[in-house]
Amino acid sequence: MNSEHAVLARLRTQAEPVLGKDVAARIRAFGNGDLYVEARTGATIWAWLVDFLLVTGLSAAAAVAYYVKASTVDAAVGASVIGVAGLIVVPLLYGWFYGNGRGLGALCNGIRLVRLRDGGRIGLWKAGWAMLIRTLGFVIIALGVLNGDATVGNGVRASIDVRETDRLRAAGFVRRP
């Protein structure tokens, strides 16, 4: 019986002349056997950076706006509370608006966040949760990647390269044999 690794290695060899060596090396299979091209780590980090800057920028802007407009003695306390609450609320709201797995960062980088089980949408609640974790953990994750840890995924969701996955499927490589 062929192991998963051997099957994918054979598939990558067959796809390499059509898609190129770099793309073929990133071919993976979802739990249901459908094939996809994993997003480059750099594209994933850039997508996370865009989302992180958007979320933290909106939270900081709300806090600064409150501080400037407030006429109370302890405006700094109120601004701090708004800023910290924003770091929790804004990512959840932002994530809920991209339940299809394509936030602004993903759109800019041509990737999509999907379920590893079947490549489907991650869903409304989980999208908000994923964005919250990515935003709050971005600095830690980025430092880990810069230190050589390339395990950006969590075993439940994965970022796929949308364009290359479409090319893979157009070339006839749809499911794992």
C-alpha atoms as a PDB file:
ATOM      1  CA  MET A   1       0.000   0.000   0.000  1.00  0.00           C
ATOM      2  CA  ASN A   2       1.316   3.438  -0.943  1.00  0.00           C
ATOM      3  CA  SER A   3       1.949   5.857   1.847  1.00  0.00           C
ATOM      4  CA  GLU A   4       0.540   9.375   1.713  1.00  0.00           C
ATOM      5  CA  HIS A   5       4.043  10.769   1.330  1.00  0.00           C
ATOM      6  CA  ALA A   6       4.871   8.511  -1.628  1.00  0.00           C
ATOM      7  CA  VAL A   7       1.585   9.322  -3.390  1.00  0.00           C
ATOM      8  CA  LEU A   8       2.130  13.069  -3.031  1.00  0.00           C
ATOM      9  CA  ALA A   9       5.775  12.759  -4.108  1.00  0.00           C
ATOM     10  CA  ARG A  10       4.697  10.990  -7.302  1.00  0.00           C
ATOM     11  CA  LEU A  11       1.999  13.585  -7.895  1.00  0.00           C
ATOM     12  CA  ARG A  12       4.490  16.442  -7.427  1.00  0.00           C
ATOM     13  CA  THR A  13       6.809  14.834  -9.961  1.00  0.00           C
ATOM     14  CA  GLN A  14       3.982  14.614 -12.499  1.00  0.00           C
ATOM     15  CA  ALA A  15       2.868  18.200 -11.874  1.00  0.00           C
ATOM     16  CA  GLU A  16       6.344  19.750 -11.958  1.00  0.00           C
ATOM     17  CA  PRO A  17       6.638  20.074 -15.773  1.00  0.00           C
ATOM     18  CA  VAL A  18       3.286  21.860 -15.910  1.00  0.00           C
ATOM     19  CA  LEU A  19       3.404  24.026 -12.781  1.00  0.00           C
ATOM     20  CA  GLY A  20       7.097  24.432 -12.055  1.00  0.00           C
ATOM     21  CA  LYS A  21       9.296  23.071  -9.303  1.00  0.00           C
ATOM     22  CA  ASP A  22       8.372  25.638  -6.636  1.00  0.00           C
ATOM     23  CA  VAL A  23       4.618  25.184  -7.045  1.00  0.00           C
ATOM     24  CA  ALA A  24       4.843  21.389  -7.294  1.00  0.00           C
ATOM     25  CA  ALA A  25       6.790  21.278  -4.022  1.00  0.00           C
ATOM     26  CA  ARG A  26       3.897  23.030  -2.258  1.00  0.00           C
ATOM     27  CA  ILE A  27       1.174  20.595  -3.394  1.00  0.00           C
ATOM     28  CA  ARG A  28      -0.739  19.146  -0.463  1.00  0.00           C
ATOM     29  CA  ALA A  29      -3.974  17.180   0.000  1.00  0.00           C
ATOM     30  CA  PHE A  30      -6.960  18.054   2.150  1.00  0.00           C
ATOM     31  CA  GLY A  31      -8.392  15.381   4.423  1.00  0.00           C
ATOM     32  CA  ASN A  32     -10.986  14.503   1.772  1.00  0.00           C
ATOM     33  CA  GLY A  33      -8.287  13.931  -0.889  1.00  0.00           C
ATOM     34  CA  ASP A  34      -8.707  17.161  -2.874  1.00  0.00           C
ATOM     35  CA  LEU A  35      -5.412  18.754  -3.856  1.00  0.00           C
ATOM     36  CA  TYR A  36      -4.286  22.323  -3.223  1.00  0.00           C
ATOM     37  CA  VAL A  37      -1.155  24.444  -3.360  1.00  0.00           C
ATOM     38  CA  GLU A  38      -0.042  25.667   0.024  1.00  0.00           C
ATOM     39  CA  ALA A  39       0.601  29.405   0.294  1.00  0.00           C
ATOM     40  CA  ARG A  40       4.189  30.511   0.670  1.00  0.00           C
ATOM     41  CA  THR A  41       5.140  31.304   4.257  1.00  0.00           C
ATOM     42  CA  GLY A  42       6.117  34.825   3.212  1.00  0.00           C
ATOM     43  CA  ALA A  43       2.710  35.478   1.630  1.00  0.00           C
ATOM     44  CA  THR A  44       0.984  34.243   4.770  1.00  0.00           C
ATOM     45  CA  ILE A  45       3.105  36.454   7.019  1.00  0.00           C
ATOM     46  CA  TRP A  46       2.488  39.492   4.787  1.00  0.00           C
ATOM     47  CA  ALA A  47      -1.258  38.799   4.862  1.00  0.00           C
ATOM     48  CA  TRP A  48      -1.160  38.584   8.638  1.00  0.00           C
ATOM     49  CA  LEU A  49       0.874  41.815   8.796  1.00  0.00           C
ATOM     50  CA  VAL A  50      -1.708  43.695   6.697  1.00  0.00           C
ATOM     51  CA  ASP A  51      -4.538  42.421   8.904  1.00  0.00           C
ATOM     52  CA  PHE A  52      -2.562  43.146  12.075  1.00  0.00           C
ATOM     53  CA  LEU A  53      -1.828  46.720  11.000  1.00  0.00           C
ATOM     54  CA  LEU A  54      -5.457  47.279  10.000  1.00  0.00           C
ATOM     55  CA  VAL A  55      -6.840  45.986  13.291  1.00  0.00           C
ATOM     56  CA  THR A  56      -4.309  47.690  15.563  1.00  0.00           C
ATOM     57  CA  GLY A  57      -4.555  50.900  13.526  1.00  0.00           C
ATOM     58  CA  LEU A  58      -8.340  51.028  13.931  1.00  0.00           C
ATOM     59  CA  SER A  59      -8.065  50.301  17.656  1.00  0.00           C
ATOM     60  CA  ALA A  60      -5.396  52.956  18.151  1.00  0.00           C
ATOM     61  CA  ALA A  61      -7.345  55.489  16.075  1.00  0.00           C
ATOM     62  CA  ALA A  62     -10.457  54.955  18.199  1.00  0.00           C
ATOM     63  CA  ALA A  63      -8.438  55.407  21.395  1.00  0.00           C
ATOM     64  CA  VAL A  64      -6.736  58.563  20.110  1.00  0.00           C
ATOM     65  CA  ALA A  65     -10.044  59.988  18.878  1.00  0.00           C
ATOM     66  CA  TYR A  66     -11.572  59.449  22.309  1.00  0.00           C
ATOM     67  CA  TYR A  67      -8.580  61.006  24.056  1.00  0.00           C
ATOM     68  CA  VAL A  68      -8.642  64.093  21.830  1.00  0.00           C
ATOM     69  CA  LYS A  69     -12.421  64.625  22.113  1.00  0.00           C
ATOM     70  CA  ALA A  70     -12.846  63.740  25.803  1.00  0.00           C
ATOM     71  CA  SER A  71     -13.064  66.596  28.257  1.00  0.00           C
ATOM     72  CA  THR A  72     -12.739  64.480  31.398  1.00  0.00           C
ATOM     73  CA  VAL A  73      -9.741  64.564  33.689  1.00  0.00           C
ATOM     74  CA  ASP A  74      -8.976  60.881  33.208  1.00  0.00           C
ATOM     75  CA  ALA A  75      -9.322  60.784  29.412  1.00  0.00           C
ATOM     76  CA  ALA A  76      -6.132  58.685  29.203  1.00  0.00           C
ATOM     77  CA  VAL A  77      -7.780  55.905  31.192  1.00  0.00           C
ATOM     78  CA  GLY A  78     -10.815  55.884  28.922  1.00  0.00           C
ATOM     79  CA  ALA A  79      -8.595  55.930  25.820  1.00  0.00           C
ATOM     80  CA  SER A  80      -6.578  53.010  27.189  1.00  0.00           C
ATOM     81  CA  VAL A  81      -9.715  50.987  27.867  1.00  0.00           C
ATOM     82  CA  ILE A  82     -11.022  51.728  24.357  1.00  0.00           C
ATOM     83  CA  GLY A  83      -7.663  50.788  22.814  1.00  0.00           C
ATOM     84  CA  VAL A  84      -7.403  47.472  24.675  1.00  0.00           C
ATOM     85  CA  ALA A  85     -11.076  46.621  24.097  1.00  0.00           C
ATOM     86  CA  GLY A  86     -10.571  47.473  20.431  1.00  0.00           C
ATOM     87  CA  LEU A  87      -7.781  44.921  20.187  1.00  0.00           C
ATOM     88  CA  ILE A  88     -10.340  42.279  21.127  1.00  0.00           C
ATOM     89  CA  VAL A  89     -13.527  43.549  19.493  1.00  0.00           C
ATOM     90  CA  VAL A  90     -12.139  44.800  16.153  1.00  0.00           C
ATOM     91  CA  PRO A  91     -10.452  41.501  15.190  1.00  0.00           C
ATOM     92  CA  LEU A  92     -13.631  39.563  15.978  1.00  0.00           C
ATOM     93  CA  LEU A  93     -15.768  41.913  13.890  1.00  0.00           C
ATOM     94  CA  TYR A  94     -13.222  42.014  11.078  1.00  0.00           C
ATOM     95  CA  GLY A  95     -12.953  38.224  11.081  1.00  0.00           C
ATOM     96  CA  TRP A  96     -16.730  37.849  10.931  1.00  0.00           C
ATOM     97  CA  PHE A  97     -16.741  39.899   7.752  1.00  0.00           C
ATOM     98  CA  TYR A  98     -14.353  37.501   6.059  1.00  0.00           C
ATOM     99  CA  GLY A  99     -15.953  34.151   6.749  1.00  0.00           C
ATOM    100  CA  ASN A 100     -14.967  33.143   3.219  1.00  0.00           C
ATOM    101  CA  GLY A 101     -11.304  33.141   4.331  1.00  0.00           C
ATOM    102  CA  ARG A 102     -10.221  36.228   2.418  1.00  0.00           C
ATOM    103  CA  GLY A 103      -9.529  39.247   4.590  1.00  0.00           C
ATOM    104  CA  LEU A 104      -7.806  42.306   3.172  1.00  0.00           C
ATOM    105  CA  GLY A 105      -4.358  40.805   3.792  1.00  0.00           C
ATOM    106  CA  ALA A 106      -5.288  37.559   2.054  1.00  0.00           C
ATOM    107  CA  LEU A 107      -6.761  39.433  -0.921  1.00  0.00           C
ATOM    108  CA  CYS A 108      -3.576  41.480  -1.293  1.00  0.00           C
ATOM    109  CA  ASN A 109      -1.440  38.323  -1.244  1.00  0.00           C
ATOM    110  CA  GLY A 110      -3.632  35.971  -3.297  1.00  0.00           C
ATOM    111  CA  ILE A 111      -4.264  33.469  -0.519  1.00  0.00           C
ATOM    112  CA  ARG A 112      -7.315  32.073   1.266  1.00  0.00           C
ATOM    113  CA  LEU A 113      -7.749  30.517   4.692  1.00  0.00           C
ATOM    114  CA  VAL A 114      -9.616  27.194   4.432  1.00  0.00           C
ATOM    115  CA  ARG A 115     -10.386  24.110   6.509  1.00  0.00           C
ATOM    116  CA  LEU A 116      -7.794  21.347   6.181  1.00  0.00           C
ATOM    117  CA  ARG A 117     -10.535  18.755   6.401  1.00  0.00           C
ATOM    118  CA  ASP A 118     -12.113  19.579   3.037  1.00  0.00           C
ATOM    119  CA  GLY A 119     -10.912  22.967   1.750  1.00  0.00           C
ATOM    120  CA  GLY A 120     -14.218  24.607   2.649  1.00  0.00           C
ATOM    121  CA  ARG A 121     -14.931  27.955   4.197  1.00  0.00           C
ATOM    122  CA  ILE A 122     -13.845  28.320   7.784  1.00  0.00           C
ATOM    123  CA  GLY A 123     -17.194  29.763   8.844  1.00  0.00           C
ATOM    124  CA  LEU A 124     -18.345  32.902  10.567  1.00  0.00           C
ATOM    125  CA  TRP A 125     -17.491  32.205  14.208  1.00  0.00           C
ATOM    126  CA  LYS A 126     -14.180  30.533  13.473  1.00  0.00           C
ATOM    127  CA  ALA A 127     -13.146  33.380  11.140  1.00  0.00           C
ATOM    128  CA  GLY A 128     -13.553  35.872  13.965  1.00  0.00           C
ATOM    129  CA  TRP A 129     -11.676  33.618  16.348  1.00  0.00           C
ATOM    130  CA  ALA A 130      -8.866  33.043  13.825  1.00  0.00           C
ATOM    131  CA  MET A 131      -8.465  36.787  13.293  1.00  0.00           C
ATOM    132  CA  LEU A 132      -8.384  37.445  17.038  1.00  0.00           C
ATOM    133  CA  ILE A 133      -5.670  34.834  17.566  1.00  0.00           C
ATOM    134  CA  ARG A 134      -3.654  36.059  14.573  1.00  0.00           C
ATOM    135  CA  THR A 135      -3.859  39.663  15.670  1.00  0.00           C
ATOM    136  CA  LEU A 136      -2.973  39.087  19.292  1.00  0.00           C
ATOM    137  CA  GLY A 137      -0.355  36.473  18.458  1.00  0.00           C
ATOM    138  CA  PHE A 138       1.120  38.127  15.365  1.00  0.00           C
ATOM    139  CA  VAL A 139       4.275  39.392  17.037  1.00  0.00           C
ATOM    140  CA  ILE A 140       4.996  36.030  18.652  1.00  0.00           C
ATOM    141  CA  ILE A 141       4.263  34.127  15.435  1.00  0.00           C
ATOM    142  CA  ALA A 142       6.377  36.502  13.322  1.00  0.00           C
ATOM    143  CA  LEU A 143       9.322  36.201  15.700  1.00  0.00           C
ATOM    144  CA  GLY A 144       9.007  32.409  15.585  1.00  0.00           C
ATOM    145  CA  VAL A 145       9.049  32.397  11.783  1.00  0.00           C
ATOM    146  CA  LEU A 146      12.027  34.754  11.680  1.00  0.00           C
ATOM    147  CA  ASN A 147      13.763  32.384  14.088  1.00  0.00           C
ATOM    148  CA  GLY A 148      13.309  29.487  11.664  1.00  0.00           C
ATOM    149  CA  ASP A 149       9.994  27.952  12.732  1.00  0.00           C
ATOM    150  CA  ALA A 150       7.991  27.536   9.514  1.00  0.00           C
ATOM    151  CA  THR A 151       4.988  25.891  11.159  1.00  0.00           C
ATOM    152  CA  VAL A 152       2.534  28.714  10.635  1.00  0.00           C
ATOM    153  CA  GLY A 153      -0.508  26.436  10.454  1.00  0.00           C
ATOM    154  CA  ASN A 154      -2.438  24.999  13.349  1.00  0.00           C
ATOM    155  CA  GLY A 155      -3.567  21.635  11.985  1.00  0.00           C
ATOM    156  CA  VAL A 156      -7.176  22.761  11.485  1.00  0.00           C
ATOM    157  CA  ARG A 157      -6.876  25.524   8.883  1.00  0.00           C
ATOM    158  CA  ALA A 158      -4.402  26.258   6.107  1.00  0.00           C
ATOM    159  CA  SER A 159      -3.669  29.141   3.777  1.00  0.00           C
ATOM    160  CA  ILE A 160      -3.814  28.148   0.129  1.00  0.00           C
ATOM    161  CA  ASP A 161      -2.366  29.911  -2.890  1.00  0.00           C
ATOM    162  CA  VAL A 162      -5.577  30.648  -4.815  1.00  0.00           C
ATOM    163  CA  ARG A 163      -4.047  31.226  -8.260  1.00  0.00           C
ATOM    164  CA  GLU A 164      -1.723  28.222  -8.150  1.00  0.00           C
ATOM    165  CA  THR A 165      -4.466  25.954  -6.785  1.00  0.00           C
ATOM    166  CA  ASP A 166      -6.651  26.993  -9.721  1.00  0.00           C
ATOM    167  CA  ARG A 167      -3.767  26.210 -12.107  1.00  0.00           C
ATOM    168  CA  LEU A 168      -3.242  22.831 -10.423  1.00  0.00           C
ATOM    169  CA  ARG A 169      -6.867  21.886 -10.912  1.00  0.00           C
ATOM    170  CA  ALA A 170      -6.975  23.258 -14.474  1.00  0.00           C
ATOM    171  CA  ALA A 171      -4.010  20.978 -15.260  1.00  0.00           C
ATOM    172  CA  GLY A 172      -6.126  18.004 -14.225  1.00  0.00           C
ATOM    173  CA  PHE A 173      -4.722  17.426 -10.745  1.00  0.00           C
ATOM    174  CA  VAL A 174      -7.859  17.559  -8.634  1.00  0.00           C
ATOM    175  CA  ARG A 175      -7.800  14.627  -6.205  1.00  0.00           C
ATOM    176  CA  ARG A 176      -5.187  12.431  -4.649  1.00  0.00           C
ATOM    177  CA  PRO A 177      -5.136   9.060  -6.495  1.00  0.00           C
END
